[in-house]
Amino acid sequence: MSRVEEAIKSRFKCNKCSHSRCRTKELAMTGSGLSKFLDIQHNHFLFVSCENCGFVEVYDPNVLEGKKGQLGSVLDLLFG
C-alpha cells in the first residue's frame, strides 16, 4: 500500500454518510493515440469507496504525491 493510500485510509470520512472506513483500489488505463495502440497504461487513478454506502471518489495519486511537503494539508482539505 502506498503512502498516499495509507494517509487517505487513516483520515477518511465519507462525504455522503460520514462513515470512517474505506477501500482503495488503483487502476491504470491507457490514454489515446499511440499509447492506446501500444497498450501503455500511464494513467493511474486511485478509487476510494466507502465501506458503508459504497460512495466512490477518484483521485490522481501523482497529483497528491507531487505535493510531498503538503500531503497532509491536501488530505486535510479533502477529508476535513
Protein backbone atom coordinates (compact mmCIF):
# COMPACT_ATOMS: atom_id res chain seq x y z
CA MET A 1 0.00 0.00 0.00
CA SER A 2 1.37 3.41 -0.96
CA ARG A 3 1.91 6.29 1.39
CA VAL A 4 -0.98 8.17 -0.23
CA GLU A 5 -3.37 5.21 0.26
CA GLU A 6 -2.34 4.85 3.92
CA ALA A 7 -2.88 8.56 4.53
CA ILE A 8 -6.30 8.50 2.85
CA LYS A 9 -7.41 5.46 4.85
CA SER A 10 -6.28 6.98 8.15
CA ARG A 11 -8.16 10.26 7.51
CA PHE A 12 -11.17 9.01 5.55
CA LYS A 13 -14.65 10.33 6.28
CA CYS A 14 -17.38 9.64 3.72
CA ASN A 15 -18.97 12.77 2.26
CA LYS A 16 -22.35 11.00 2.00
CA CYS A 17 -22.77 9.05 5.25
CA SER A 18 -19.80 10.14 7.43
CA HIS A 19 -18.55 6.54 7.81
CA SER A 20 -14.83 6.31 8.60
CA ARG A 21 -13.76 3.11 6.79
CA CYS A 22 -12.93 2.83 3.12
CA ARG A 23 -11.37 0.60 0.49
CA THR A 24 -8.87 1.81 -2.06
CA LYS A 25 -8.05 0.43 -5.49
CA GLU A 26 -5.57 1.76 -8.02
CA LEU A 27 -6.48 1.48 -11.68
CA ALA A 28 -4.20 2.02 -14.65
CA MET A 29 -5.63 2.97 -18.05
CA THR A 30 -4.33 3.71 -21.50
CA GLY A 31 -4.53 7.16 -22.95
CA SER A 32 -5.36 8.00 -26.54
CA GLY A 33 -3.35 7.83 -29.72
CA LEU A 34 -0.05 5.96 -29.67
CA SER A 35 -0.29 4.89 -26.02
CA LYS A 36 -3.66 3.27 -26.77
CA PHE A 37 -2.25 1.49 -29.78
CA LEU A 38 0.76 0.20 -27.81
CA ASP A 39 -1.36 -0.53 -24.71
CA ILE A 40 0.81 1.68 -22.49
CA GLN A 41 -1.05 2.30 -19.26
CA HIS A 42 0.35 5.56 -17.98
CA ASN A 43 -2.85 6.99 -16.48
CA HIS A 44 -3.17 5.90 -12.86
CA PHE A 45 -6.11 6.73 -10.60
CA LEU A 46 -6.96 5.87 -7.02
CA PHE A 47 -10.58 4.89 -6.38
CA VAL A 48 -11.70 5.29 -2.76
CA SER A 49 -15.02 3.72 -1.79
CA CYS A 50 -16.93 3.95 1.49
CA GLU A 51 -17.38 0.53 3.11
CA ASN A 52 -20.82 1.57 4.40
CA CYS A 53 -22.69 3.19 1.49
CA GLY A 54 -20.37 2.48 -1.48
CA PHE A 55 -19.89 6.13 -2.47
CA VAL A 56 -16.75 6.40 -4.64
CA GLU A 57 -14.29 9.24 -5.09
CA VAL A 58 -11.48 9.23 -7.68
CA TYR A 59 -8.05 10.79 -7.11
CA ASP A 60 -4.90 11.18 -9.15
CA PRO A 61 -2.11 9.83 -6.89
CA ASN A 62 0.53 11.64 -8.96
CA VAL A 63 -1.04 14.97 -8.02
CA LEU A 64 -1.19 14.05 -4.33
CA GLU A 65 2.37 12.69 -4.35
CA GLY A 66 3.59 15.79 -6.19
CA LYS A 67 2.72 17.82 -3.13
CA LYS A 68 5.03 15.79 -0.86
CA GLY A 69 5.60 18.61 1.59
CA GLN A 70 1.90 19.41 1.61
CA LEU A 71 0.41 15.88 1.53
CA GLY A 72 -1.12 16.26 4.99
CA SER A 73 -2.62 19.63 4.07
CA VAL A 74 -4.07 18.30 0.82
CA LEU A 75 -5.65 15.31 2.59
CA ASP A 76 -6.96 17.54 5.41
CA LEU A 77 -8.61 19.72 2.77
CA LEU A 78 -10.17 16.70 1.03
CA PHE A 79 -11.31 14.78 4.12
CA GLY A 80 -11.74 17.55 6.70
